[in-house]
Structure formats: structure tokens, C-alpha cells
Amino acid sequence: MRRLCVFCGSSDGDDPAYPAAARELGGTLARAGIGLVYGGARVGLMGAVADAALAAGGEVIGVIPTALVEKEVAHTGLSDLRVVASMHERKALMAELSDGFVALPGGIGTFEELFEVWTWAQLGHHAKPCALLNVNGFYDGLIAFLDGVAARRFLKHAHRAMLIEARDADGLMTRLRAYAPPAVTKWIGPGEG
């Protein structure tokens, strides 16, 4: 794995564990020689993960749409900041530059980005790992919901298993390194899940 894409909030959230986990992940990636690809902002968890990776000597590529340069306060101290025209271009470029994806705590943008790359994996467009860094149980409710969706046969169990879960950066790295895509890599129609 050369680069990992991290989706996360432009806010710190309500728990100091969230920015601490972002900093831990950024430092862990840099020390492992894995570049960081992320949304390009200098605020919130986005800024925390980027600053920690930079402080540990890592490569950090930020990708941000023009419309969000001022709103999200673009990080101008990165190894590489790429300003694109749209959110669609942002997500496509982040995916192209990355060998895997992880979501730290965040809001609907974080969820949408993760679900899109996970859907692409389900459809067989890539075989890159997708993961949740479940800091202090942030994603427990989502994990339970997804397990319920699979139990109700709206999500194939093999596709559910594609979404890795870890509680800390070291556990995440272990799971990412061990990842092997499941044999099922194509969409399964209604009633086949």
C-alpha cells in the first residue's frame, strides 16, 4: 500500500478522542511509509490527520474543490494540494491516487464518500480495502445497522465483509495489510443476497 485515502470530518466533534485518533492515524501512516490522501482542509479531523502525517515526515496529498477552498480553509502546507472543479472530480481523483480507504468519524460527506468507494468495490470496479476507524464506538450504530441490512438480505454477506472495522490505527493497519477481496466481486440481484 503506497497511499491511503482518509475520509473524515472538517470538525473535531464532541470527543477529544476523535482528533487524537486522527493524529495517531496520520503519524502511523507516515512512519509506515504510506502517503495520506484526504480532502485538503486544515480544520477539524482533516487538519489533524494531515498535520500529524506531515510532522512525522509523510507525504500528504489534499484534494479540494474550488467551492470549498475558502469554506473548508484549504491546507496550504501540504506536500501536494490539488484544487479541482467539483466534488465528483475530488472523489474520483482521491480514489485514483489511493490504494485503500478509511473513514474516521465525520458527517454526511464522510459517509457518502465511504459508501461510494465501498459500492465501487461491490460492483468490482476496484479491489481496494474499505474501512471504518471506529473511535470510541462512533460507528457502532452504523455497524449494527449494516449487519441488520445483511440479515434482511438487502446486502450480501460477502459484500458486508468487505467493510473492515478497527478501533485504533495499529489494528486498522493490521487489517488493511491482511485484506484479501472476497470472491464475490459483482452485484447480486434482488433475492440473491
C-alpha atoms as a PDB file:
ATOM      1  CA  MET A   1       0.000   0.000   0.000  1.00  0.00           C
ATOM      2  CA  ARG A   2       1.549   3.258  -1.153  1.00  0.00           C
ATOM      3  CA  ARG A   3      -1.248   5.658  -0.197  1.00  0.00           C
ATOM      4  CA  LEU A   4      -4.346   5.506   1.984  1.00  0.00           C
ATOM      5  CA  CYS A   5      -7.338   7.799   1.477  1.00  0.00           C
ATOM      6  CA  VAL A   6      -8.843   9.071   4.727  1.00  0.00           C
ATOM      7  CA  PHE A   7     -12.388  10.437   4.819  1.00  0.00           C
ATOM      8  CA  CYS A   8     -13.197  12.443   7.955  1.00  0.00           C
ATOM      9  CA  GLY A   9     -14.923  15.482   9.393  1.00  0.00           C
ATOM     10  CA  SER A  10     -13.947  19.111   8.967  1.00  0.00           C
ATOM     11  CA  SER A  11     -14.987  19.417  12.634  1.00  0.00           C
ATOM     12  CA  ASP A  12     -13.318  17.966  15.743  1.00  0.00           C
ATOM     13  CA  GLY A  13     -16.613  16.552  17.023  1.00  0.00           C
ATOM     14  CA  ASP A  14     -17.544  16.409  20.709  1.00  0.00           C
ATOM     15  CA  ASP A  15     -14.903  13.957  21.955  1.00  0.00           C
ATOM     16  CA  PRO A  16     -11.159  14.690  22.246  1.00  0.00           C
ATOM     17  CA  ALA A  17     -10.608  11.052  21.249  1.00  0.00           C
ATOM     18  CA  TYR A  18     -11.588  11.900  17.662  1.00  0.00           C
ATOM     19  CA  PRO A  19      -8.775  14.360  16.878  1.00  0.00           C
ATOM     20  CA  ALA A  20      -6.393  12.194  18.913  1.00  0.00           C
ATOM     21  CA  ALA A  21      -7.259   9.206  16.716  1.00  0.00           C
ATOM     22  CA  ALA A  22      -6.817  11.327  13.579  1.00  0.00           C
ATOM     23  CA  ARG A  23      -3.363  12.395  14.763  1.00  0.00           C
ATOM     24  CA  GLU A  24      -2.486   8.806  15.653  1.00  0.00           C
ATOM     25  CA  LEU A  25      -3.525   7.602  12.196  1.00  0.00           C
ATOM     26  CA  GLY A  26      -1.597  10.347  10.394  1.00  0.00           C
ATOM     27  CA  GLY A  27       1.582   9.584  12.331  1.00  0.00           C
ATOM     28  CA  THR A  28       1.144   5.834  11.892  1.00  0.00           C
ATOM     29  CA  LEU A  29       0.793   6.185   8.125  1.00  0.00           C
ATOM     30  CA  ALA A  30       3.871   8.389   7.831  1.00  0.00           C
ATOM     31  CA  ARG A  31       6.008   6.069   9.967  1.00  0.00           C
ATOM     32  CA  ALA A  32       4.896   3.124   7.810  1.00  0.00           C
ATOM     33  CA  GLY A  33       5.883   4.992   4.643  1.00  0.00           C
ATOM     34  CA  ILE A  34       2.265   5.223   3.472  1.00  0.00           C
ATOM     35  CA  GLY A  35       1.152   8.501   1.944  1.00  0.00           C
ATOM     36  CA  LEU A  36      -2.077  10.193   3.007  1.00  0.00           C
ATOM     37  CA  VAL A  37      -4.738  11.297   0.535  1.00  0.00           C
ATOM     38  CA  TYR A  38      -7.564  13.360   2.052  1.00  0.00           C
ATOM     39  CA  GLY A  39      -9.973  16.238   1.462  1.00  0.00           C
ATOM     40  CA  GLY A  40      -7.417  19.057   1.629  1.00  0.00           C
ATOM     41  CA  ALA A  41      -8.684  21.120   4.590  1.00  0.00           C
ATOM     42  CA  ARG A  42      -6.643  22.358   7.557  1.00  0.00           C
ATOM     43  CA  VAL A  43      -9.532  22.282  10.058  1.00  0.00           C
ATOM     44  CA  GLY A  44     -11.152  19.563  12.147  1.00  0.00           C
ATOM     45  CA  LEU A  45     -10.122  15.934  11.856  1.00  0.00           C
ATOM     46  CA  MET A  46      -8.966  16.649   8.319  1.00  0.00           C
ATOM     47  CA  GLY A  47      -6.345  19.073   9.584  1.00  0.00           C
ATOM     48  CA  ALA A  48      -5.382  16.807  12.482  1.00  0.00           C
ATOM     49  CA  VAL A  49      -4.642  13.768  10.315  1.00  0.00           C
ATOM     50  CA  ALA A  50      -2.730  15.860   7.756  1.00  0.00           C
ATOM     51  CA  ASP A  51      -0.668  17.791  10.309  1.00  0.00           C
ATOM     52  CA  ALA A  52       0.321  14.591  12.126  1.00  0.00           C
ATOM     53  CA  ALA A  53       1.383  12.904   8.895  1.00  0.00           C
ATOM     54  CA  LEU A  54       3.399  15.973   7.876  1.00  0.00           C
ATOM     55  CA  ALA A  55       5.015  16.237  11.321  1.00  0.00           C
ATOM     56  CA  ALA A  56       6.150  12.610  11.017  1.00  0.00           C
ATOM     57  CA  GLY A  57       7.666  13.269   7.577  1.00  0.00           C
ATOM     58  CA  GLY A  58       4.892  11.723   5.493  1.00  0.00           C
ATOM     59  CA  GLU A  59       3.583  12.551   2.057  1.00  0.00           C
ATOM     60  CA  VAL A  60       0.190  14.292   2.195  1.00  0.00           C
ATOM     61  CA  ILE A  61      -1.947  14.945  -0.863  1.00  0.00           C
ATOM     62  CA  GLY A  62      -5.039  17.086  -0.383  1.00  0.00           C
ATOM     63  CA  VAL A  63      -7.830  17.238  -2.946  1.00  0.00           C
ATOM     64  CA  ILE A  64     -10.380  20.029  -2.581  1.00  0.00           C
ATOM     65  CA  PRO A  65     -12.971  21.591  -4.902  1.00  0.00           C
ATOM     66  CA  THR A  66     -12.694  25.274  -5.709  1.00  0.00           C
ATOM     67  CA  ALA A  67     -16.004  25.978  -3.954  1.00  0.00           C
ATOM     68  CA  LEU A  68     -14.628  24.604  -0.681  1.00  0.00           C
ATOM     69  CA  VAL A  69     -11.174  26.201  -0.726  1.00  0.00           C
ATOM     70  CA  GLU A  70     -12.307  29.097   1.463  1.00  0.00           C
ATOM     71  CA  LYS A  71     -15.196  27.369   3.239  1.00  0.00           C
ATOM     72  CA  GLU A  72     -13.087  24.429   4.475  1.00  0.00           C
ATOM     73  CA  VAL A  73      -9.942  26.539   4.749  1.00  0.00           C
ATOM     74  CA  ALA A  74      -7.598  24.749   2.346  1.00  0.00           C
ATOM     75  CA  HIS A  75      -4.377  23.463   3.907  1.00  0.00           C
ATOM     76  CA  THR A  76      -1.532  25.290   2.180  1.00  0.00           C
ATOM     77  CA  GLY A  77       1.304  23.403   3.898  1.00  0.00           C
ATOM     78  CA  LEU A  78       0.779  20.035   2.198  1.00  0.00           C
ATOM     79  CA  SER A  79       3.172  18.052   0.044  1.00  0.00           C
ATOM     80  CA  ASP A  80       0.637  18.455  -2.756  1.00  0.00           C
ATOM     81  CA  LEU A  81      -2.696  20.361  -2.768  1.00  0.00           C
ATOM     82  CA  ARG A  82      -4.878  19.729  -5.793  1.00  0.00           C
ATOM     83  CA  VAL A  83      -7.793  22.071  -6.419  1.00  0.00           C
ATOM     84  CA  VAL A  84     -10.479  20.545  -8.639  1.00  0.00           C
ATOM     85  CA  ALA A  85     -13.702  21.859 -10.143  1.00  0.00           C
ATOM     86  CA  SER A  86     -16.272  19.621  -8.414  1.00  0.00           C
ATOM     87  CA  MET A  87     -16.998  17.079  -5.690  1.00  0.00           C
ATOM     88  CA  HIS A  88     -17.209  14.404  -8.389  1.00  0.00           C
ATOM     89  CA  GLU A  89     -13.693  15.232  -9.555  1.00  0.00           C
ATOM     90  CA  ARG A  90     -12.500  15.309  -5.943  1.00  0.00           C
ATOM     91  CA  LYS A  91     -13.771  11.803  -5.198  1.00  0.00           C
ATOM     92  CA  ALA A  92     -12.532  10.358  -8.493  1.00  0.00           C
ATOM     93  CA  LEU A  93      -9.028  11.784  -8.020  1.00  0.00           C
ATOM     94  CA  MET A  94      -8.844  10.688  -4.376  1.00  0.00           C
ATOM     95  CA  ALA A  95      -9.820   7.156  -5.438  1.00  0.00           C
ATOM     96  CA  GLU A  96      -7.321   7.135  -8.289  1.00  0.00           C
ATOM     97  CA  LEU A  97      -4.457   8.218  -6.023  1.00  0.00           C
ATOM     98  CA  SER A  98      -5.243   5.710  -3.247  1.00  0.00           C
ATOM     99  CA  ASP A  99      -4.707   2.024  -2.565  1.00  0.00           C
ATOM    100  CA  GLY A 100      -7.342   1.835   0.188  1.00  0.00           C
ATOM    101  CA  PHE A 101      -9.926   3.904   2.050  1.00  0.00           C
ATOM    102  CA  VAL A 102     -10.736   4.545   5.706  1.00  0.00           C
ATOM    103  CA  ALA A 103     -13.387   6.661   7.399  1.00  0.00           C
ATOM    104  CA  LEU A 104     -12.632   8.374  10.683  1.00  0.00           C
ATOM    105  CA  PRO A 105     -15.606   9.986  12.472  1.00  0.00           C
ATOM    106  CA  GLY A 106     -17.359  12.546  10.318  1.00  0.00           C
ATOM    107  CA  GLY A 107     -20.689  13.649   8.933  1.00  0.00           C
ATOM    108  CA  ILE A 108     -22.718  13.002   5.819  1.00  0.00           C
ATOM    109  CA  GLY A 109     -19.845  13.880   3.472  1.00  0.00           C
ATOM    110  CA  THR A 110     -17.660  11.266   5.152  1.00  0.00           C
ATOM    111  CA  PHE A 111     -20.430   8.671   4.970  1.00  0.00           C
ATOM    112  CA  GLU A 112     -21.193   9.421   1.328  1.00  0.00           C
ATOM    113  CA  GLU A 113     -17.528   9.172   0.317  1.00  0.00           C
ATOM    114  CA  LEU A 114     -17.052   5.859   2.106  1.00  0.00           C
ATOM    115  CA  PHE A 115     -20.292   4.354   0.813  1.00  0.00           C
ATOM    116  CA  GLU A 116     -19.411   5.326  -2.759  1.00  0.00           C
ATOM    117  CA  VAL A 117     -15.995   3.619  -2.751  1.00  0.00           C
ATOM    118  CA  TRP A 118     -17.472   0.606  -0.948  1.00  0.00           C
ATOM    119  CA  THR A 119     -20.174   0.405  -3.644  1.00  0.00           C
ATOM    120  CA  TRP A 120     -17.474   0.591  -6.321  1.00  0.00           C
ATOM    121  CA  ALA A 121     -15.741  -2.366  -4.630  1.00  0.00           C
ATOM    122  CA  GLN A 122     -19.024  -4.312  -4.509  1.00  0.00           C
ATOM    123  CA  LEU A 123     -19.511  -3.670  -8.221  1.00  0.00           C
ATOM    124  CA  GLY A 124     -15.985  -4.887  -8.973  1.00  0.00           C
ATOM    125  CA  HIS A 125     -14.620  -1.504 -10.110  1.00  0.00           C
ATOM    126  CA  HIS A 126     -11.695  -1.883  -7.699  1.00  0.00           C
ATOM    127  CA  ALA A 127     -10.354  -4.390  -5.158  1.00  0.00           C
ATOM    128  CA  LYS A 128      -9.061  -1.823  -2.656  1.00  0.00           C
ATOM    129  CA  PRO A 129      -9.923  -2.236   1.035  1.00  0.00           C
ATOM    130  CA  CYS A 130     -12.564  -0.001   2.636  1.00  0.00           C
ATOM    131  CA  ALA A 131     -12.563   0.501   6.404  1.00  0.00           C
ATOM    132  CA  LEU A 132     -14.088   2.231   9.398  1.00  0.00           C
ATOM    133  CA  LEU A 133     -11.866   3.506  12.209  1.00  0.00           C
ATOM    134  CA  ASN A 134     -14.442   3.083  14.958  1.00  0.00           C
ATOM    135  CA  VAL A 135     -13.112   5.571  17.524  1.00  0.00           C
ATOM    136  CA  ASN A 136     -14.844   5.228  20.910  1.00  0.00           C
ATOM    137  CA  GLY A 137     -17.703   3.328  19.290  1.00  0.00           C
ATOM    138  CA  PHE A 138     -18.556   6.164  16.880  1.00  0.00           C
ATOM    139  CA  TYR A 139     -19.631   3.678  14.202  1.00  0.00           C
ATOM    140  CA  ASP A 140     -21.272   1.054  16.475  1.00  0.00           C
ATOM    141  CA  GLY A 141     -24.783   2.072  15.401  1.00  0.00           C
ATOM    142  CA  LEU A 142     -23.855   2.015  11.708  1.00  0.00           C
ATOM    143  CA  ILE A 143     -22.188  -1.382  12.058  1.00  0.00           C
ATOM    144  CA  ALA A 144     -25.276  -2.814  13.761  1.00  0.00           C
ATOM    145  CA  PHE A 145     -27.481  -1.292  11.048  1.00  0.00           C
ATOM    146  CA  LEU A 146     -25.353  -2.794   8.249  1.00  0.00           C
ATOM    147  CA  ASP A 147     -25.401  -6.195   9.935  1.00  0.00           C
ATOM    148  CA  GLY A 148     -29.202  -5.907  10.054  1.00  0.00           C
ATOM    149  CA  VAL A 149     -29.321  -4.962   6.362  1.00  0.00           C
ATOM    150  CA  ALA A 150     -27.304  -8.093   5.564  1.00  0.00           C
ATOM    151  CA  ALA A 151     -29.535 -10.230   7.812  1.00  0.00           C
ATOM    152  CA  ARG A 152     -32.569  -8.918   5.895  1.00  0.00           C
ATOM    153  CA  ARG A 153     -30.895  -9.889   2.607  1.00  0.00           C
ATOM    154  CA  PHE A 154     -30.518  -6.402   1.166  1.00  0.00           C
ATOM    155  CA  LEU A 155     -26.723  -6.708   1.390  1.00  0.00           C
ATOM    156  CA  LYS A 156     -24.818  -9.846   0.520  1.00  0.00           C
ATOM    157  CA  HIS A 157     -22.786 -11.120   3.486  1.00  0.00           C
ATOM    158  CA  ALA A 158     -19.642 -11.225   1.321  1.00  0.00           C
ATOM    159  CA  HIS A 159     -20.152  -7.563   0.462  1.00  0.00           C
ATOM    160  CA  ARG A 160     -20.775  -6.694   4.115  1.00  0.00           C
ATOM    161  CA  ALA A 161     -17.489  -8.440   4.957  1.00  0.00           C
ATOM    162  CA  MET A 162     -15.671  -6.101   2.546  1.00  0.00           C
ATOM    163  CA  LEU A 163     -16.009  -3.252   5.065  1.00  0.00           C
ATOM    164  CA  ILE A 164     -13.168  -3.596   7.573  1.00  0.00           C
ATOM    165  CA  GLU A 165     -13.582  -2.337  11.134  1.00  0.00           C
ATOM    166  CA  ALA A 166     -10.882  -1.397  13.635  1.00  0.00           C
ATOM    167  CA  ARG A 167     -10.775   0.579  16.892  1.00  0.00           C
ATOM    168  CA  ASP A 168      -7.263   2.052  16.589  1.00  0.00           C
ATOM    169  CA  ALA A 169      -4.612   2.832  13.980  1.00  0.00           C
ATOM    170  CA  ASP A 170      -2.467  -0.230  14.698  1.00  0.00           C
ATOM    171  CA  GLY A 171      -5.448  -2.575  14.426  1.00  0.00           C
ATOM    172  CA  LEU A 172      -6.512  -0.822  11.239  1.00  0.00           C
ATOM    173  CA  MET A 173      -3.081  -1.237   9.648  1.00  0.00           C
ATOM    174  CA  THR A 174      -3.003  -4.931  10.571  1.00  0.00           C
ATOM    175  CA  ARG A 175      -6.430  -5.477   8.993  1.00  0.00           C
ATOM    176  CA  LEU A 176      -5.568  -3.466   5.863  1.00  0.00           C
ATOM    177  CA  ARG A 177      -2.351  -5.409   5.302  1.00  0.00           C
ATOM    178  CA  ALA A 178      -4.212  -8.719   5.661  1.00  0.00           C
ATOM    179  CA  TYR A 179      -7.085  -7.699   3.371  1.00  0.00           C
ATOM    180  CA  ALA A 180      -7.946 -10.008   0.514  1.00  0.00           C
ATOM    181  CA  PRO A 181     -11.028  -9.115  -1.511  1.00  0.00           C
ATOM    182  CA  PRO A 182     -13.786 -11.711  -1.295  1.00  0.00           C
ATOM    183  CA  ALA A 183     -14.528 -13.959  -4.247  1.00  0.00           C
ATOM    184  CA  VAL A 184     -17.837 -12.172  -4.834  1.00  0.00           C
ATOM    185  CA  THR A 185     -16.986  -9.004  -6.759  1.00  0.00           C
ATOM    186  CA  LYS A 186     -20.105  -8.400  -8.818  1.00  0.00           C
ATOM    187  CA  TRP A 187     -23.508  -7.054  -7.952  1.00  0.00           C
ATOM    188  CA  ILE A 188     -26.054  -9.702  -6.996  1.00  0.00           C
ATOM    189  CA  GLY A 189     -29.654  -9.034  -7.921  1.00  0.00           C
ATOM    190  CA  PRO A 190     -32.767  -9.000  -5.722  1.00  0.00           C
ATOM    191  CA  GLY A 191     -33.358 -12.164  -3.735  1.00  0.00           C
ATOM    192  CA  GLU A 192     -29.830 -13.446  -4.350  1.00  0.00           C
ATOM    193  CA  GLY A 193     -28.174 -11.770  -1.339  1.00  0.00           C
END
